[in-house]
N, C-alpha and C. Protein backbone atom coordinates (compact mmCIF):
# COMPACT_ATOMS: atom_id res chain seq x y z
N MET A 1 -177.08 7.73 -55.67
CA MET A 1 -176.65 6.35 -55.85
C MET A 1 -176.95 5.93 -57.28
N SER A 2 -176.06 5.18 -57.86
CA SER A 2 -176.23 4.77 -59.25
C SER A 2 -177.22 3.62 -59.37
N ASP A 3 -177.72 3.45 -60.58
CA ASP A 3 -178.63 2.33 -60.84
C ASP A 3 -177.93 1.00 -60.60
N GLU A 4 -176.64 0.94 -60.94
CA GLU A 4 -175.87 -0.30 -60.72
C GLU A 4 -175.77 -0.61 -59.23
N GLN A 5 -175.49 0.41 -58.43
CA GLN A 5 -175.38 0.20 -56.98
C GLN A 5 -176.74 -0.20 -56.40
N ASP A 6 -177.80 0.42 -56.90
CA ASP A 6 -179.15 0.04 -56.46
C ASP A 6 -179.43 -1.43 -56.75
N ALA A 7 -179.01 -1.89 -57.92
CA ALA A 7 -179.23 -3.29 -58.30
C ALA A 7 -178.42 -4.22 -57.40
N ILE A 8 -177.19 -3.84 -57.10
CA ILE A 8 -176.37 -4.66 -56.21
C ILE A 8 -176.98 -4.71 -54.82
N ASP A 9 -177.41 -3.55 -54.33
CA ASP A 9 -178.04 -3.50 -53.01
C ASP A 9 -179.26 -4.40 -52.94
N GLU A 10 -180.04 -4.40 -54.00
CA GLU A 10 -181.24 -5.24 -54.04
C GLU A 10 -180.87 -6.72 -54.05
N ARG A 11 -179.83 -7.06 -54.82
CA ARG A 11 -179.38 -8.46 -54.85
C ARG A 11 -178.85 -8.90 -53.49
N VAL A 12 -178.13 -8.01 -52.80
CA VAL A 12 -177.63 -8.32 -51.46
C VAL A 12 -178.79 -8.57 -50.51
N GLN A 13 -179.77 -7.69 -50.55
CA GLN A 13 -180.93 -7.83 -49.67
C GLN A 13 -181.68 -9.13 -49.96
N ASP A 14 -181.93 -9.41 -51.23
CA ASP A 14 -182.64 -10.63 -51.61
C ASP A 14 -181.89 -11.88 -51.16
N ALA A 15 -180.58 -11.91 -51.41
CA ALA A 15 -179.77 -13.06 -51.03
C ALA A 15 -179.76 -13.24 -49.52
N GLY A 16 -179.69 -12.13 -48.80
CA GLY A 16 -179.71 -12.21 -47.34
C GLY A 16 -181.02 -12.75 -46.82
N GLU A 17 -182.12 -12.31 -47.39
CA GLU A 17 -183.44 -12.78 -46.96
C GLU A 17 -183.62 -14.27 -47.25
N ARG A 18 -183.01 -14.75 -48.33
CA ARG A 18 -183.12 -16.17 -48.69
C ARG A 18 -182.09 -17.04 -47.98
N GLY A 19 -181.12 -16.41 -47.32
CA GLY A 19 -180.05 -17.16 -46.70
C GLY A 19 -179.11 -17.77 -47.73
N ASP A 20 -178.97 -17.09 -48.85
CA ASP A 20 -178.16 -17.56 -49.98
C ASP A 20 -176.69 -17.19 -49.78
N LEU A 21 -175.97 -18.05 -49.06
CA LEU A 21 -174.57 -17.77 -48.78
C LEU A 21 -173.74 -17.70 -50.06
N ALA A 22 -174.00 -18.59 -51.01
CA ALA A 22 -173.23 -18.59 -52.26
C ALA A 22 -173.43 -17.28 -53.02
N GLY A 23 -174.66 -16.81 -53.09
CA GLY A 23 -174.92 -15.54 -53.78
C GLY A 23 -174.24 -14.37 -53.09
N LEU A 24 -174.31 -14.35 -51.78
CA LEU A 24 -173.64 -13.29 -51.02
C LEU A 24 -172.14 -13.37 -51.19
N ARG A 25 -171.61 -14.58 -51.22
CA ARG A 25 -170.16 -14.77 -51.40
C ARG A 25 -169.73 -14.21 -52.75
N ARG A 26 -170.50 -14.49 -53.80
CA ARG A 26 -170.16 -13.98 -55.14
C ARG A 26 -170.15 -12.45 -55.14
N LEU A 27 -171.17 -11.85 -54.53
CA LEU A 27 -171.24 -10.39 -54.49
C LEU A 27 -170.09 -9.80 -53.66
N ALA A 28 -169.80 -10.44 -52.53
CA ALA A 28 -168.70 -9.96 -51.68
C ALA A 28 -167.37 -10.10 -52.40
N ASP A 29 -167.16 -11.24 -53.07
CA ASP A 29 -165.92 -11.45 -53.81
C ASP A 29 -165.80 -10.46 -54.97
N GLY A 30 -166.95 -9.95 -55.43
CA GLY A 30 -166.95 -8.94 -56.49
C GLY A 30 -166.67 -7.54 -55.98
N GLY A 31 -166.50 -7.40 -54.67
CA GLY A 31 -166.12 -6.11 -54.12
C GLY A 31 -167.18 -5.39 -53.32
N SER A 32 -168.34 -6.00 -53.11
CA SER A 32 -169.40 -5.33 -52.36
C SER A 32 -169.18 -5.49 -50.86
N ALA A 33 -168.86 -4.38 -50.20
CA ALA A 33 -168.68 -4.40 -48.75
C ALA A 33 -169.99 -4.73 -48.05
N ASP A 34 -171.11 -4.25 -48.60
CA ASP A 34 -172.41 -4.55 -48.01
C ASP A 34 -172.70 -6.04 -48.07
N ALA A 35 -172.31 -6.67 -49.16
CA ALA A 35 -172.51 -8.12 -49.30
C ALA A 35 -171.65 -8.86 -48.30
N ALA A 36 -170.43 -8.40 -48.08
CA ALA A 36 -169.55 -9.04 -47.10
C ALA A 36 -170.16 -8.95 -45.70
N ASP A 37 -170.67 -7.78 -45.36
CA ASP A 37 -171.32 -7.61 -44.05
C ASP A 37 -172.54 -8.52 -43.92
N GLN A 38 -173.35 -8.57 -44.98
CA GLN A 38 -174.55 -9.40 -44.97
C GLN A 38 -174.18 -10.88 -44.92
N LEU A 39 -173.10 -11.24 -45.59
CA LEU A 39 -172.64 -12.63 -45.58
C LEU A 39 -172.28 -13.05 -44.16
N ILE A 40 -171.58 -12.20 -43.44
CA ILE A 40 -171.21 -12.51 -42.05
C ILE A 40 -172.46 -12.63 -41.20
N GLU A 41 -173.38 -11.69 -41.36
CA GLU A 41 -174.62 -11.70 -40.57
C GLU A 41 -175.44 -12.96 -40.86
N THR A 42 -175.57 -13.30 -42.13
CA THR A 42 -176.36 -14.47 -42.51
C THR A 42 -175.68 -15.76 -42.06
N ALA A 43 -174.37 -15.84 -42.27
CA ALA A 43 -173.64 -17.04 -41.84
C ALA A 43 -173.73 -17.22 -40.33
N THR A 44 -173.66 -16.12 -39.60
CA THR A 44 -173.78 -16.19 -38.14
C THR A 44 -175.16 -16.69 -37.76
N GLY A 45 -176.19 -16.13 -38.38
CA GLY A 45 -177.56 -16.53 -38.08
C GLY A 45 -177.84 -17.98 -38.40
N LEU A 46 -177.19 -18.49 -39.44
CA LEU A 46 -177.39 -19.88 -39.85
C LEU A 46 -176.44 -20.84 -39.13
N GLY A 47 -175.50 -20.28 -38.38
CA GLY A 47 -174.50 -21.13 -37.73
C GLY A 47 -173.56 -21.77 -38.72
N ALA A 48 -173.29 -21.07 -39.83
CA ALA A 48 -172.43 -21.60 -40.90
C ALA A 48 -170.97 -21.35 -40.54
N LEU A 49 -170.45 -22.20 -39.65
CA LEU A 49 -169.10 -22.02 -39.15
C LEU A 49 -168.05 -22.14 -40.24
N ASP A 50 -168.27 -23.01 -41.23
CA ASP A 50 -167.29 -23.15 -42.31
C ASP A 50 -167.14 -21.85 -43.09
N GLU A 51 -168.26 -21.17 -43.33
CA GLU A 51 -168.20 -19.89 -44.06
C GLU A 51 -167.49 -18.83 -43.22
N LEU A 52 -167.80 -18.78 -41.95
CA LEU A 52 -167.13 -17.82 -41.06
C LEU A 52 -165.64 -18.12 -40.97
N ARG A 53 -165.28 -19.39 -40.92
CA ARG A 53 -163.85 -19.77 -40.90
C ARG A 53 -163.16 -19.32 -42.19
N ARG A 54 -163.83 -19.54 -43.32
CA ARG A 54 -163.26 -19.14 -44.61
C ARG A 54 -162.99 -17.65 -44.63
N LEU A 55 -163.96 -16.87 -44.18
CA LEU A 55 -163.80 -15.42 -44.16
C LEU A 55 -162.71 -14.99 -43.17
N ALA A 56 -162.70 -15.61 -42.01
CA ALA A 56 -161.69 -15.28 -40.99
C ALA A 56 -160.29 -15.59 -41.50
N GLU A 57 -160.15 -16.72 -42.19
CA GLU A 57 -158.84 -17.09 -42.74
C GLU A 57 -158.37 -16.11 -43.81
N ARG A 58 -159.32 -15.43 -44.43
CA ARG A 58 -158.97 -14.42 -45.45
C ARG A 58 -158.74 -13.05 -44.81
N GLY A 59 -158.77 -13.00 -43.47
CA GLY A 59 -158.44 -11.77 -42.76
C GLY A 59 -159.62 -10.93 -42.32
N ASN A 60 -160.84 -11.45 -42.44
CA ASN A 60 -162.01 -10.67 -42.04
C ASN A 60 -162.16 -10.75 -40.52
N ARG A 61 -161.90 -9.64 -39.86
CA ARG A 61 -161.91 -9.57 -38.39
C ARG A 61 -163.32 -9.78 -37.83
N ASP A 62 -164.33 -9.23 -38.50
CA ASP A 62 -165.71 -9.40 -38.02
C ASP A 62 -166.11 -10.87 -38.04
N ALA A 63 -165.73 -11.58 -39.10
CA ALA A 63 -166.04 -13.00 -39.19
C ALA A 63 -165.31 -13.77 -38.09
N ALA A 64 -164.07 -13.40 -37.84
CA ALA A 64 -163.30 -14.06 -36.79
C ALA A 64 -163.95 -13.85 -35.42
N ASP A 65 -164.42 -12.62 -35.18
CA ASP A 65 -165.09 -12.33 -33.91
C ASP A 65 -166.38 -13.14 -33.76
N GLN A 66 -167.17 -13.22 -34.82
CA GLN A 66 -168.42 -13.98 -34.77
C GLN A 66 -168.14 -15.46 -34.58
N LEU A 67 -167.13 -15.96 -35.25
CA LEU A 67 -166.73 -17.35 -35.12
C LEU A 67 -166.33 -17.65 -33.68
N ALA A 68 -165.55 -16.77 -33.09
CA ALA A 68 -165.12 -16.95 -31.70
C ALA A 68 -166.33 -16.99 -30.77
N GLU A 69 -167.28 -16.08 -30.98
CA GLU A 69 -168.49 -16.07 -30.14
C GLU A 69 -169.30 -17.35 -30.29
N LEU A 70 -169.45 -17.82 -31.51
CA LEU A 70 -170.26 -19.02 -31.73
C LEU A 70 -169.58 -20.27 -31.18
N THR A 71 -168.27 -20.32 -31.23
CA THR A 71 -167.58 -21.52 -30.77
C THR A 71 -167.31 -21.51 -29.28
N GLU A 72 -167.49 -20.36 -28.63
CA GLU A 72 -167.37 -20.28 -27.16
C GLU A 72 -168.54 -20.95 -26.47
N GLU A 73 -169.70 -20.86 -27.10
CA GLU A 73 -170.94 -21.30 -26.45
C GLU A 73 -171.05 -22.79 -26.31
């Protein structure tokens, strides 16, 4: 793994631990699949329905599934 990828992974982990949706969004929008996954996980944990809706509207199936589960309850 490259030093650049290690740095991105560390930023994803840090942002996830802090619940930093904006930071995760920036990383995901920059092309990090790990950040996108972490963004969905963090948004789900925080109940951030607007973020999950945004991702679902952009075609993210995992976000749509999580949104459906949260809004069923």
